[in-house]
Amino acid sequence: MNEIQFKKNYSAWIDPAYAARYPQESGSKAQKTGSAESTFAQALRNSVEESDSRLTFSKHAVQRMDARQIEVSPRLVAQMDSAVEKARSKGVKEALILNGETAFIVHVPSKTVVTTMNGGEMKENIFTNIDGAVIL
């Protein structure tokens, strides 16, 4: 788990169709700052696209993984990322991803793992508010 960087994904709150619009400036000031603004806008766009393309873990999920001693390897994250893409292609919004004796609940549109549990906890639990499941 040390090899993986976890971070909050606030981009889920922003509609992907949202486009930043800057007022047009007149004169030489627009020419001086125009390239800087476009460079900043491009860097911001790249950052948002990069964060949207990676699987992230919510604070709650990280706490559950620590408390339940669930190990997540880079290979497992790659498999889960692929599973989330498959679920997204089928129109799934909330997915249950099963890997052996570990279950992950993922909010597919934001690619965020919401919670996780191990095999012993799954035996008597009911999974609600999911509309799809992927078995790894």
N, C-alpha and C. Protein backbone atom coordinates (compact mmCIF):
# COMPACT_ATOMS: atom_id res chain seq x y z
N MET A 1 0.81 -1.18 0.00
CA MET A 1 0.00 0.00 0.00
C MET A 1 0.86 1.25 0.00
N ASN A 2 2.14 1.15 0.38
CA ASN A 2 3.02 2.30 0.39
C ASN A 2 3.34 2.78 -1.00
N GLU A 3 3.27 1.89 -2.00
CA GLU A 3 3.62 2.25 -3.36
C GLU A 3 2.52 3.05 -4.05
N ILE A 4 1.36 3.08 -3.47
CA ILE A 4 0.22 3.72 -4.11
C ILE A 4 -0.05 5.05 -3.42
N GLN A 5 -0.26 6.06 -4.22
CA GLN A 5 -0.59 7.37 -3.65
C GLN A 5 -2.10 7.52 -3.63
N PHE A 6 -2.63 7.79 -2.46
CA PHE A 6 -4.07 7.99 -2.33
C PHE A 6 -4.32 9.48 -2.20
N LYS A 7 -5.36 9.93 -2.82
CA LYS A 7 -5.71 11.33 -2.68
C LYS A 7 -7.21 11.49 -2.83
N LYS A 8 -7.71 12.60 -2.35
CA LYS A 8 -9.13 12.89 -2.50
C LYS A 8 -9.39 13.29 -3.94
N ASN A 9 -10.53 12.92 -4.43
CA ASN A 9 -10.88 13.24 -5.81
C ASN A 9 -12.04 14.25 -5.80
N TYR A 10 -11.68 15.51 -5.87
CA TYR A 10 -12.70 16.55 -5.87
C TYR A 10 -13.25 16.79 -7.26
N SER A 11 -12.62 16.23 -8.28
CA SER A 11 -13.10 16.44 -9.65
C SER A 11 -14.46 15.80 -9.87
N ALA A 12 -14.88 14.89 -8.97
CA ALA A 12 -16.20 14.27 -9.12
C ALA A 12 -17.31 15.28 -8.90
N TRP A 13 -17.00 16.38 -8.24
CA TRP A 13 -18.00 17.40 -7.97
C TRP A 13 -18.18 18.35 -9.14
N ILE A 14 -17.25 18.31 -10.09
CA ILE A 14 -17.30 19.23 -11.22
C ILE A 14 -17.79 18.49 -12.44
N ASP A 15 -18.80 19.02 -13.08
CA ASP A 15 -19.34 18.42 -14.29
C ASP A 15 -18.25 18.42 -15.36
N PRO A 16 -17.97 17.27 -16.01
CA PRO A 16 -16.93 17.23 -17.04
C PRO A 16 -17.21 18.16 -18.21
N ALA A 17 -18.48 18.50 -18.42
CA ALA A 17 -18.82 19.38 -19.53
C ALA A 17 -18.56 20.85 -19.19
N TYR A 18 -18.19 21.13 -17.94
CA TYR A 18 -17.94 22.50 -17.53
C TYR A 18 -16.72 23.04 -18.27
N ALA A 19 -16.87 24.15 -18.90
CA ALA A 19 -15.76 24.77 -19.62
C ALA A 19 -15.50 26.14 -19.02
N ALA A 20 -14.26 26.37 -18.64
CA ALA A 20 -13.91 27.68 -18.09
C ALA A 20 -13.88 28.69 -19.21
N ARG A 21 -14.50 29.83 -18.96
CA ARG A 21 -14.51 30.90 -19.95
C ARG A 21 -13.90 32.13 -19.31
N TYR A 22 -12.94 32.69 -19.98
CA TYR A 22 -12.28 33.88 -19.48
C TYR A 22 -12.73 35.08 -20.29
N PRO A 23 -12.95 36.22 -19.64
CA PRO A 23 -13.34 37.40 -20.40
C PRO A 23 -12.20 37.85 -21.31
N GLN A 24 -12.54 38.34 -22.45
CA GLN A 24 -11.54 38.80 -23.41
C GLN A 24 -10.96 40.12 -22.92
N GLU A 25 -9.65 40.19 -22.88
CA GLU A 25 -8.99 41.43 -22.51
C GLU A 25 -8.58 42.16 -23.78
N SER A 26 -8.50 43.47 -23.68
CA SER A 26 -8.12 44.23 -24.86
C SER A 26 -6.72 44.79 -24.70
N GLY A 27 -6.10 45.07 -25.82
CA GLY A 27 -4.80 45.74 -25.80
C GLY A 27 -3.64 44.79 -25.61
N SER A 28 -2.49 45.38 -25.26
CA SER A 28 -1.25 44.62 -25.17
C SER A 28 -1.22 43.70 -23.96
N LYS A 29 -1.98 44.01 -22.90
CA LYS A 29 -2.01 43.14 -21.72
C LYS A 29 -2.51 41.75 -22.09
N ALA A 30 -3.50 41.69 -22.96
CA ALA A 30 -4.04 40.40 -23.40
C ALA A 30 -2.98 39.62 -24.16
N GLN A 31 -2.16 40.31 -24.91
CA GLN A 31 -1.12 39.62 -25.66
C GLN A 31 -0.05 39.07 -24.72
N LYS A 32 0.30 39.83 -23.67
CA LYS A 32 1.32 39.39 -22.73
C LYS A 32 0.84 38.20 -21.91
N THR A 33 -0.38 38.27 -21.39
CA THR A 33 -0.87 37.23 -20.49
C THR A 33 -1.61 36.13 -21.23
N GLY A 34 -1.92 36.30 -22.47
CA GLY A 34 -2.68 35.30 -23.21
C GLY A 34 -1.99 33.95 -23.24
N SER A 35 -0.69 33.94 -23.50
CA SER A 35 0.01 32.66 -23.55
C SER A 35 0.13 32.04 -22.16
N ALA A 36 0.30 32.88 -21.13
CA ALA A 36 0.38 32.35 -19.77
C ALA A 36 -0.95 31.75 -19.36
N GLU A 37 -2.05 32.41 -19.70
CA GLU A 37 -3.36 31.87 -19.36
C GLU A 37 -3.62 30.57 -20.10
N SER A 38 -3.25 30.51 -21.35
CA SER A 38 -3.49 29.28 -22.09
C SER A 38 -2.60 28.15 -21.56
N THR A 39 -1.38 28.48 -21.13
CA THR A 39 -0.51 27.47 -20.55
C THR A 39 -1.10 26.96 -19.24
N PHE A 40 -1.57 27.89 -18.40
CA PHE A 40 -2.20 27.50 -17.15
C PHE A 40 -3.46 26.67 -17.39
N ALA A 41 -4.28 27.12 -18.33
CA ALA A 41 -5.51 26.40 -18.64
C ALA A 41 -5.20 24.99 -19.12
N GLN A 42 -4.17 24.86 -19.94
CA GLN A 42 -3.77 23.55 -20.45
C GLN A 42 -3.26 22.67 -19.31
N ALA A 43 -2.46 23.24 -18.42
CA ALA A 43 -1.94 22.47 -17.28
C ALA A 43 -3.08 22.01 -16.37
N LEU A 44 -4.05 22.90 -16.14
CA LEU A 44 -5.20 22.54 -15.32
C LEU A 44 -6.01 21.44 -15.99
N ARG A 45 -6.24 21.57 -17.27
CA ARG A 45 -6.99 20.56 -18.02
C ARG A 45 -6.27 19.21 -17.96
N ASN A 46 -4.95 19.21 -18.14
CA ASN A 46 -4.17 17.96 -18.08
C ASN A 46 -4.25 17.33 -16.69
N SER A 47 -4.20 18.16 -15.66
CA SER A 47 -4.28 17.66 -14.29
C SER A 47 -5.63 17.01 -14.02
N VAL A 48 -6.70 17.65 -14.46
CA VAL A 48 -8.04 17.10 -14.26
C VAL A 48 -8.20 15.80 -15.04
N GLU A 49 -7.72 15.78 -16.28
CA GLU A 49 -7.82 14.56 -17.09
C GLU A 49 -7.02 13.43 -16.47
N GLU A 50 -5.84 13.74 -15.94
CA GLU A 50 -5.01 12.71 -15.32
C GLU A 50 -5.67 12.16 -14.07
N SER A 51 -6.25 13.04 -13.24
CA SER A 51 -6.90 12.56 -12.02
C SER A 51 -8.16 11.78 -12.35
N ASP A 52 -8.83 12.12 -13.45
CA ASP A 52 -10.02 11.38 -13.86
C ASP A 52 -9.68 10.00 -14.37
N SER A 53 -8.45 9.81 -14.85
CA SER A 53 -8.10 8.54 -15.46
C SER A 53 -7.59 7.53 -14.43
N ARG A 54 -7.33 7.96 -13.20
CA ARG A 54 -6.80 7.05 -12.19
C ARG A 54 -7.87 6.67 -11.17
N LEU A 55 -7.76 5.46 -10.68
CA LEU A 55 -8.63 4.99 -9.61
C LEU A 55 -8.15 5.62 -8.30
N THR A 56 -9.07 6.19 -7.56
CA THR A 56 -8.71 6.81 -6.28
C THR A 56 -9.47 6.11 -5.16
N PHE A 57 -9.00 6.34 -3.93
CA PHE A 57 -9.60 5.74 -2.75
C PHE A 57 -10.08 6.86 -1.83
N SER A 58 -11.31 6.76 -1.39
CA SER A 58 -11.84 7.75 -0.45
C SER A 58 -11.15 7.59 0.90
N LYS A 59 -11.26 8.61 1.72
CA LYS A 59 -10.68 8.55 3.06
C LYS A 59 -11.28 7.39 3.84
N HIS A 60 -12.59 7.19 3.69
CA HIS A 60 -13.28 6.09 4.37
C HIS A 60 -12.70 4.74 3.93
N ALA A 61 -12.48 4.57 2.63
CA ALA A 61 -11.95 3.31 2.12
C ALA A 61 -10.55 3.05 2.65
N VAL A 62 -9.73 4.08 2.71
CA VAL A 62 -8.36 3.93 3.23
C VAL A 62 -8.40 3.54 4.70
N GLN A 63 -9.31 4.16 5.46
CA GLN A 63 -9.44 3.80 6.88
C GLN A 63 -9.87 2.35 7.04
N ARG A 64 -10.81 1.90 6.21
CA ARG A 64 -11.28 0.51 6.27
C ARG A 64 -10.15 -0.46 5.88
N MET A 65 -9.37 -0.10 4.88
CA MET A 65 -8.26 -0.96 4.46
C MET A 65 -7.24 -1.10 5.58
N ASP A 66 -6.94 0.01 6.27
CA ASP A 66 -6.00 -0.04 7.38
C ASP A 66 -6.56 -0.86 8.54
N ALA A 67 -7.81 -0.62 8.90
CA ALA A 67 -8.42 -1.31 10.03
C ALA A 67 -8.56 -2.81 9.77
N ARG A 68 -8.85 -3.17 8.54
CA ARG A 68 -9.10 -4.57 8.19
C ARG A 68 -7.86 -5.25 7.60
N GLN A 69 -6.76 -4.55 7.60
CA GLN A 69 -5.48 -5.06 7.11
C GLN A 69 -5.60 -5.65 5.70
N ILE A 70 -6.21 -4.87 4.81
CA ILE A 70 -6.38 -5.28 3.42
C ILE A 70 -5.23 -4.67 2.62
N GLU A 71 -4.46 -5.52 1.98
CA GLU A 71 -3.33 -5.09 1.17
C GLU A 71 -3.77 -4.86 -0.27
N VAL A 72 -3.33 -3.76 -0.84
CA VAL A 72 -3.66 -3.43 -2.22
C VAL A 72 -2.35 -3.22 -2.97
N SER A 73 -2.11 -4.06 -3.96
CA SER A 73 -0.88 -3.96 -4.75
C SER A 73 -1.15 -3.12 -6.01
N PRO A 74 -0.10 -2.61 -6.63
CA PRO A 74 -0.28 -1.88 -7.89
C PRO A 74 -0.96 -2.75 -8.96
N ARG A 75 -0.68 -4.04 -8.95
CA ARG A 75 -1.31 -4.97 -9.91
C ARG A 75 -2.82 -5.04 -9.68
N LEU A 76 -3.22 -5.11 -8.40
CA LEU A 76 -4.64 -5.15 -8.07
C LEU A 76 -5.32 -3.85 -8.48
N VAL A 77 -4.66 -2.72 -8.25
CA VAL A 77 -5.23 -1.43 -8.65
C VAL A 77 -5.43 -1.38 -10.16
N ALA A 78 -4.47 -1.91 -10.91
CA ALA A 78 -4.60 -1.95 -12.38
C ALA A 78 -5.77 -2.83 -12.79
N GLN A 79 -5.95 -3.98 -12.13
CA GLN A 79 -7.08 -4.86 -12.43
C GLN A 79 -8.40 -4.18 -12.08
N MET A 80 -8.44 -3.49 -10.96
CA MET A 80 -9.65 -2.79 -10.56
C MET A 80 -9.97 -1.65 -11.53
N ASP A 81 -8.94 -0.96 -11.98
CA ASP A 81 -9.14 0.13 -12.94
C ASP A 81 -9.75 -0.42 -14.23
N SER A 82 -9.26 -1.55 -14.67
CA SER A 82 -9.82 -2.19 -15.86
C SER A 82 -11.27 -2.62 -15.62
N ALA A 83 -11.54 -3.15 -14.44
CA ALA A 83 -12.90 -3.57 -14.09
C ALA A 83 -13.85 -2.38 -14.05
N VAL A 84 -13.37 -1.24 -13.56
CA VAL A 84 -14.20 -0.04 -13.51
C VAL A 84 -14.53 0.43 -14.92
N GLU A 85 -13.56 0.35 -15.82
CA GLU A 85 -13.81 0.74 -17.22
C GLU A 85 -14.84 -0.18 -17.86
N LYS A 86 -14.77 -1.47 -17.57
CA LYS A 86 -15.77 -2.41 -18.09
C LYS A 86 -17.15 -2.07 -17.54
N ALA A 87 -17.22 -1.78 -16.25
CA ALA A 87 -18.49 -1.43 -15.63
C ALA A 87 -19.03 -0.13 -16.23
N ARG A 88 -18.16 0.84 -16.47
CA ARG A 88 -18.58 2.11 -17.06
C ARG A 88 -19.15 1.89 -18.46
N SER A 89 -18.53 1.00 -19.22
CA SER A 89 -19.01 0.73 -20.59
C SER A 89 -20.40 0.09 -20.59
N LYS A 90 -20.76 -0.56 -19.49
CA LYS A 90 -22.09 -1.18 -19.37
C LYS A 90 -23.10 -0.25 -18.70
N GLY A 91 -22.68 0.95 -18.33
CA GLY A 91 -23.59 1.91 -17.72
C GLY A 91 -23.75 1.78 -16.22
N VAL A 92 -22.86 1.07 -15.58
CA VAL A 92 -22.93 0.88 -14.12
C VAL A 92 -22.47 2.16 -13.42
N LYS A 93 -23.19 2.53 -12.37
CA LYS A 93 -22.84 3.73 -11.59
C LYS A 93 -22.16 3.36 -10.27
N GLU A 94 -22.65 2.34 -9.60
CA GLU A 94 -22.08 1.86 -8.34
C GLU A 94 -21.77 0.38 -8.52
N ALA A 95 -20.49 0.02 -8.44
CA ALA A 95 -20.09 -1.35 -8.73
C ALA A 95 -19.50 -2.04 -7.50
N LEU A 96 -19.76 -3.32 -7.41
CA LEU A 96 -19.13 -4.19 -6.44
C LEU A 96 -18.03 -4.93 -7.20
N ILE A 97 -16.80 -4.78 -6.76
CA ILE A 97 -15.68 -5.49 -7.39
C ILE A 97 -15.18 -6.52 -6.39
N LEU A 98 -15.23 -7.78 -6.79
CA LEU A 98 -14.80 -8.87 -5.93
C LEU A 98 -13.45 -9.41 -6.39
N ASN A 99 -12.54 -9.53 -5.44
CA ASN A 99 -11.22 -10.08 -5.71
C ASN A 99 -10.94 -11.12 -4.63
N GLY A 100 -11.17 -12.37 -4.95
CA GLY A 100 -10.95 -13.42 -3.95
C GLY A 100 -11.84 -13.19 -2.76
N GLU A 101 -11.24 -12.89 -1.62
CA GLU A 101 -12.02 -12.67 -0.40
C GLU A 101 -12.10 -11.20 -0.02
N THR A 102 -11.91 -10.32 -0.97
CA THR A 102 -11.99 -8.89 -0.71
C THR A 102 -13.02 -8.27 -1.64
N ALA A 103 -13.83 -7.37 -1.09
CA ALA A 103 -14.84 -6.67 -1.89
C ALA A 103 -14.58 -5.17 -1.83
N PHE A 104 -14.75 -4.52 -2.96
CA PHE A 104 -14.59 -3.07 -3.06
C PHE A 104 -15.87 -2.51 -3.66
N ILE A 105 -16.41 -1.46 -3.07
CA ILE A 105 -17.54 -0.74 -3.64
C ILE A 105 -16.96 0.50 -4.30
N VAL A 106 -17.24 0.68 -5.60
CA VAL A 106 -16.64 1.76 -6.38
C VAL A 106 -17.73 2.63 -6.99
N HIS A 107 -17.59 3.94 -6.83
CA HIS A 107 -18.44 4.90 -7.53
C HIS A 107 -17.80 5.07 -8.90
N VAL A 108 -18.42 4.49 -9.91
CA VAL A 108 -17.82 4.38 -11.24
C VAL A 108 -17.61 5.74 -11.92
N PRO A 109 -18.57 6.68 -11.91
CA PRO A 109 -18.33 7.94 -12.62
C PRO A 109 -17.08 8.69 -12.14
N SER A 110 -16.79 8.65 -10.85
CA SER A 110 -15.60 9.35 -10.35
C SER A 110 -14.40 8.42 -10.16
N LYS A 111 -14.59 7.13 -10.43
CA LYS A 111 -13.54 6.12 -10.26
C LYS A 111 -12.96 6.16 -8.85
N THR A 112 -13.87 6.20 -7.86
CA THR A 112 -13.46 6.29 -6.47
C THR A 112 -13.93 5.07 -5.71
N VAL A 113 -12.99 4.40 -5.03
CA VAL A 113 -13.34 3.29 -4.15
C VAL A 113 -13.95 3.90 -2.89
N VAL A 114 -15.19 3.52 -2.60
CA VAL A 114 -15.93 4.12 -1.49
C VAL A 114 -15.67 3.37 -0.20
N THR A 115 -15.67 2.05 -0.25
CA THR A 115 -15.40 1.24 0.94
C THR A 115 -14.90 -0.13 0.51
N THR A 116 -14.41 -0.87 1.47
CA THR A 116 -13.89 -2.20 1.19
C THR A 116 -14.10 -3.08 2.42
N MET A 117 -14.17 -4.39 2.18
CA MET A 117 -14.31 -5.34 3.29
C MET A 117 -13.66 -6.66 2.91
N ASN A 118 -13.32 -7.43 3.94
CA ASN A 118 -12.68 -8.72 3.69
C ASN A 118 -13.70 -9.85 3.74
N GLY A 119 -13.25 -11.06 3.49
CA GLY A 119 -14.13 -12.21 3.38
C GLY A 119 -15.00 -12.50 4.59
N GLY A 120 -14.45 -12.39 5.77
CA GLY A 120 -15.22 -12.66 6.98
C GLY A 120 -16.39 -11.71 7.14
N GLU A 121 -16.23 -10.50 6.74
CA GLU A 121 -17.30 -9.51 6.87
C GLU A 121 -18.36 -9.65 5.79
N MET A 122 -17.99 -10.24 4.65
CA MET A 122 -18.93 -10.37 3.54
C MET A 122 -19.98 -11.46 3.77
N LYS A 123 -19.68 -12.42 4.61
CA LYS A 123 -20.57 -13.57 4.76
C LYS A 123 -21.97 -13.21 5.21
N GLU A 124 -22.10 -12.22 6.09
CA GLU A 124 -23.42 -11.89 6.60
C GLU A 124 -23.90 -10.52 6.15
N ASN A 125 -23.19 -9.89 5.23
CA ASN A 125 -23.58 -8.56 4.77
C ASN A 125 -24.38 -8.63 3.49
N ILE A 126 -25.22 -7.64 3.32
CA ILE A 126 -25.99 -7.49 2.09
C ILE A 126 -25.45 -6.24 1.41
N PHE A 127 -25.16 -6.35 0.13
CA PHE A 127 -24.68 -5.21 -0.63
C PHE A 127 -25.88 -4.50 -1.23
N THR A 128 -26.05 -3.24 -0.87
CA THR A 128 -27.17 -2.46 -1.40
C THR A 128 -26.63 -1.28 -2.19
N ASN A 129 -27.50 -0.66 -2.95
CA ASN A 129 -27.17 0.53 -3.72
C ASN A 129 -26.04 0.29 -4.73
N ILE A 130 -25.98 -0.93 -5.25
CA ILE A 130 -25.06 -1.20 -6.36
C ILE A 130 -25.91 -1.60 -7.56
N ASP A 131 -25.41 -1.34 -8.73
CA ASP A 131 -26.15 -1.74 -9.92
C ASP A 131 -25.31 -2.60 -10.85
N GLY A 132 -24.22 -3.14 -10.33
CA GLY A 132 -23.40 -4.05 -11.11
C GLY A 132 -22.31 -4.64 -10.27
N ALA A 133 -21.77 -5.76 -10.70
CA ALA A 133 -20.68 -6.42 -10.01
C ALA A 133 -19.67 -6.92 -11.03
N VAL A 134 -18.39 -6.85 -10.67
CA VAL A 134 -17.31 -7.36 -11.51
C VAL A 134 -16.47 -8.28 -10.64
N ILE A 135 -16.22 -9.49 -11.13
CA ILE A 135 -15.40 -10.44 -10.39
C ILE A 135 -14.03 -10.51 -11.07
N LEU A 136 -12.98 -10.24 -10.29
CA LEU A 136 -11.61 -10.27 -10.84
C LEU A 136 -11.05 -11.67 -10.82
